[in-house]
Amino acid sequence: MEVLWEKEVDASSIVVSPRPVWKCRLCPMYGKRPSCPPYAPDWREAKEWVGSFKKALIVKFSINMKDFEEEKRKVLLWLLKREAELFREGKLYAMALFPGNCNLCDDCPFERGQACRMPEKVRPSVDAVGIELSSLVDIDFSESVLYGVIMVE
């Protein structure tokens, strides 16, 4: 995993709609992880939440697709670390959004109806809250990348 870039954007440029949430319904992880619908905040609530921010960071990560789950886990941990750094810098409401479902645990107890082992670390996925990533970046499906979002202030 490598951070390719980190870009600050105006939060007002973030499009939030039901379209990404409907795409989530096609995912085999739908309803299985606490970062996914129906457990993530509704897109309407997320739209209001995003609207309360002025700035956000978009982060592009290069990953090795041969080791996808481990690479994605590194991305999630990097986003959580960056969120904590921003908090320490005085950005009290900084909050990361994951690229896709949470995979912090190798074996997710939530999938089996048990409590999440790390509820303090789980963040909703970008799509689960209705953020249209394509409104922020040009997506090239030939790239082996993931995008994370951190709402800042």
Protein backbone atom coordinates (compact mmCIF):
# COMPACT_ATOMS: atom_id res chain seq x y z
CA MET A 1 0.00 0.00 0.00
CA GLU A 2 1.25 3.42 -0.94
CA VAL A 3 -0.36 6.83 -0.59
CA LEU A 4 -0.35 8.32 -4.09
CA TRP A 5 -1.82 11.65 -3.06
CA GLU A 6 -3.89 13.46 -0.47
CA LYS A 7 -6.04 16.31 -1.75
CA GLU A 8 -8.12 18.84 0.19
CA VAL A 9 -11.51 19.66 -1.31
CA ASP A 10 -14.38 21.90 -0.34
CA ALA A 11 -17.00 19.77 1.34
CA SER A 12 -19.62 21.63 -0.70
CA SER A 13 -18.26 19.84 -3.80
CA ILE A 14 -19.16 16.41 -2.37
CA VAL A 15 -22.26 14.94 -3.98
CA VAL A 16 -24.36 12.75 -1.66
CA SER A 17 -27.22 10.76 -3.19
CA PRO A 18 -28.97 7.38 -2.94
CA ARG A 19 -27.14 6.06 -6.02
CA PRO A 20 -24.03 4.66 -4.26
CA VAL A 21 -26.19 3.12 -1.54
CA TRP A 22 -28.18 1.24 -4.16
CA LYS A 23 -24.91 -0.05 -5.63
CA CYS A 24 -24.08 -1.33 -2.13
CA ARG A 25 -27.10 -3.61 -2.39
CA LEU A 26 -25.34 -5.52 -5.17
CA CYS A 27 -22.28 -6.20 -3.01
CA PRO A 28 -21.97 -9.63 -1.35
CA MET A 29 -21.00 -7.82 1.90
CA TYR A 30 -24.27 -5.84 2.02
CA GLY A 31 -25.70 -6.04 5.52
CA LYS A 32 -22.81 -8.15 6.80
CA ARG A 33 -20.42 -5.53 8.19
CA PRO A 34 -21.06 -2.60 10.53
CA SER A 35 -19.58 -0.17 7.97
CA CYS A 36 -22.20 -1.11 5.40
CA PRO A 37 -25.91 -0.45 4.89
CA PRO A 38 -28.23 -0.85 6.67
CA TYR A 39 -25.90 -0.11 9.62
CA ALA A 40 -24.29 3.00 8.13
CA PRO A 41 -26.13 6.32 8.46
CA ASP A 42 -28.83 6.89 5.85
CA TRP A 43 -27.71 8.95 2.85
CA ARG A 44 -30.14 11.77 3.79
CA GLU A 45 -28.60 12.04 7.24
CA ALA A 46 -25.13 11.82 5.68
CA LYS A 47 -26.00 14.62 3.26
CA GLU A 48 -26.83 16.90 6.19
CA TRP A 49 -23.68 15.74 8.01
CA VAL A 50 -21.41 16.37 5.00
CA GLY A 51 -23.06 19.78 4.63
CA SER A 52 -21.90 20.71 8.13
CA PHE A 53 -18.24 20.49 7.04
CA LYS A 54 -16.15 23.00 5.10
CA LYS A 55 -13.23 20.77 4.08
CA ALA A 56 -12.51 17.13 3.37
CA LEU A 57 -9.45 15.14 2.35
CA ILE A 58 -9.55 12.67 -0.51
CA VAL A 59 -6.74 10.13 -0.34
CA LYS A 60 -5.72 7.86 -3.21
CA PHE A 61 -3.91 4.64 -2.33
CA SER A 62 -2.11 2.28 -4.67
CA ILE A 63 -2.59 -1.34 -3.62
CA ASN A 64 -1.38 -4.77 -4.63
CA MET A 65 -4.50 -6.60 -5.80
CA LYS A 66 -2.85 -9.99 -5.19
CA ASP A 67 -3.05 -9.28 -1.46
CA PHE A 68 -6.24 -7.21 -1.53
CA GLU A 69 -7.60 -7.86 1.97
CA GLU A 70 -4.30 -7.12 3.71
CA GLU A 71 -3.63 -4.08 1.54
CA LYS A 72 -7.12 -2.74 2.23
CA ARG A 73 -6.62 -3.31 5.96
CA LYS A 74 -3.46 -1.15 5.77
CA VAL A 75 -5.50 1.56 4.03
CA LEU A 76 -8.15 1.50 6.78
CA LEU A 77 -5.51 1.72 9.50
CA TRP A 78 -3.76 4.58 7.66
CA LEU A 79 -7.07 6.49 7.45
CA LEU A 80 -7.72 5.97 11.17
CA LYS A 81 -4.20 7.16 11.99
CA ARG A 82 -4.61 10.28 9.82
CA GLU A 83 -8.00 10.97 11.43
CA ALA A 84 -6.34 10.81 14.88
CA GLU A 85 -3.56 13.18 13.72
CA LEU A 86 -6.14 15.69 12.51
CA PHE A 87 -7.99 15.41 15.81
CA ARG A 88 -4.77 16.15 17.72
CA GLU A 89 -4.26 19.18 15.46
CA GLY A 90 -7.58 20.57 16.72
CA LYS A 91 -9.93 19.20 14.06
CA LEU A 92 -12.34 17.84 16.67
CA TYR A 93 -14.86 16.43 14.21
CA ALA A 94 -12.40 14.84 11.76
CA MET A 95 -13.80 11.50 10.67
CA ALA A 96 -12.58 8.95 8.14
CA LEU A 97 -14.77 7.06 5.72
CA PHE A 98 -13.60 3.65 4.54
CA PRO A 99 -13.25 2.51 0.94
CA GLY A 100 -15.79 -0.29 1.01
CA ASN A 101 -16.64 -2.62 3.85
CA CYS A 102 -14.65 -2.83 7.06
CA ASN A 103 -12.12 -5.65 7.08
CA LEU A 104 -10.14 -4.75 10.19
CA CYS A 105 -10.60 -8.29 11.51
CA ASP A 106 -9.56 -11.40 9.56
CA ASP A 107 -12.64 -13.14 10.90
CA CYS A 108 -15.54 -10.74 11.45
CA PRO A 109 -17.76 -11.77 14.39
CA PHE A 110 -20.40 -9.24 13.24
CA GLU A 111 -21.08 -11.47 10.23
CA ARG A 112 -22.08 -14.24 12.65
CA GLY A 113 -24.45 -12.01 14.63
CA GLN A 114 -21.91 -11.30 17.38
CA ALA A 115 -20.63 -7.96 18.63
CA CYS A 116 -17.98 -6.09 16.65
CA ARG A 117 -14.53 -6.43 18.24
CA MET A 118 -13.52 -2.86 17.35
CA PRO A 119 -16.62 -0.65 17.27
CA GLU A 120 -14.49 2.41 18.10
CA LYS A 121 -12.51 1.90 14.88
CA VAL A 122 -15.27 1.07 12.41
CA ARG A 123 -16.19 3.89 10.05
CA PRO A 124 -18.92 3.88 7.40
CA SER A 125 -17.85 3.26 3.86
CA VAL A 126 -17.81 6.14 1.40
CA ASP A 127 -20.52 4.48 -0.71
CA ALA A 128 -22.64 3.38 2.24
CA VAL A 129 -23.37 6.99 3.20
CA GLY A 130 -24.13 7.97 -0.41
CA ILE A 131 -20.98 9.88 -1.35
CA GLU A 132 -20.52 9.82 -5.11
CA LEU A 133 -16.77 9.38 -5.34
CA SER A 134 -16.96 10.10 -9.07
CA SER A 135 -17.95 13.67 -8.20
CA LEU A 136 -14.50 14.12 -6.65
CA VAL A 137 -12.10 12.05 -8.74
CA ASP A 138 -11.83 10.59 -12.22
CA ILE A 139 -12.10 6.87 -11.64
CA ASP A 140 -9.98 4.66 -13.88
CA PHE A 141 -10.94 1.02 -13.38
CA SER A 142 -7.63 -0.14 -14.85
CA GLU A 143 -5.81 1.21 -11.77
CA SER A 144 -5.23 -0.87 -8.62
CA VAL A 145 -6.30 1.86 -6.21
CA LEU A 146 -8.60 2.63 -3.33
CA TYR A 147 -9.91 6.03 -2.26
CA GLY A 148 -10.59 7.12 1.28
CA VAL A 149 -12.29 10.28 2.51
CA ILE A 150 -11.68 12.14 5.74
CA MET A 151 -14.14 14.85 6.66
CA VAL A 152 -12.04 17.51 8.33
CA GLU A 153 -13.73 20.73 9.42
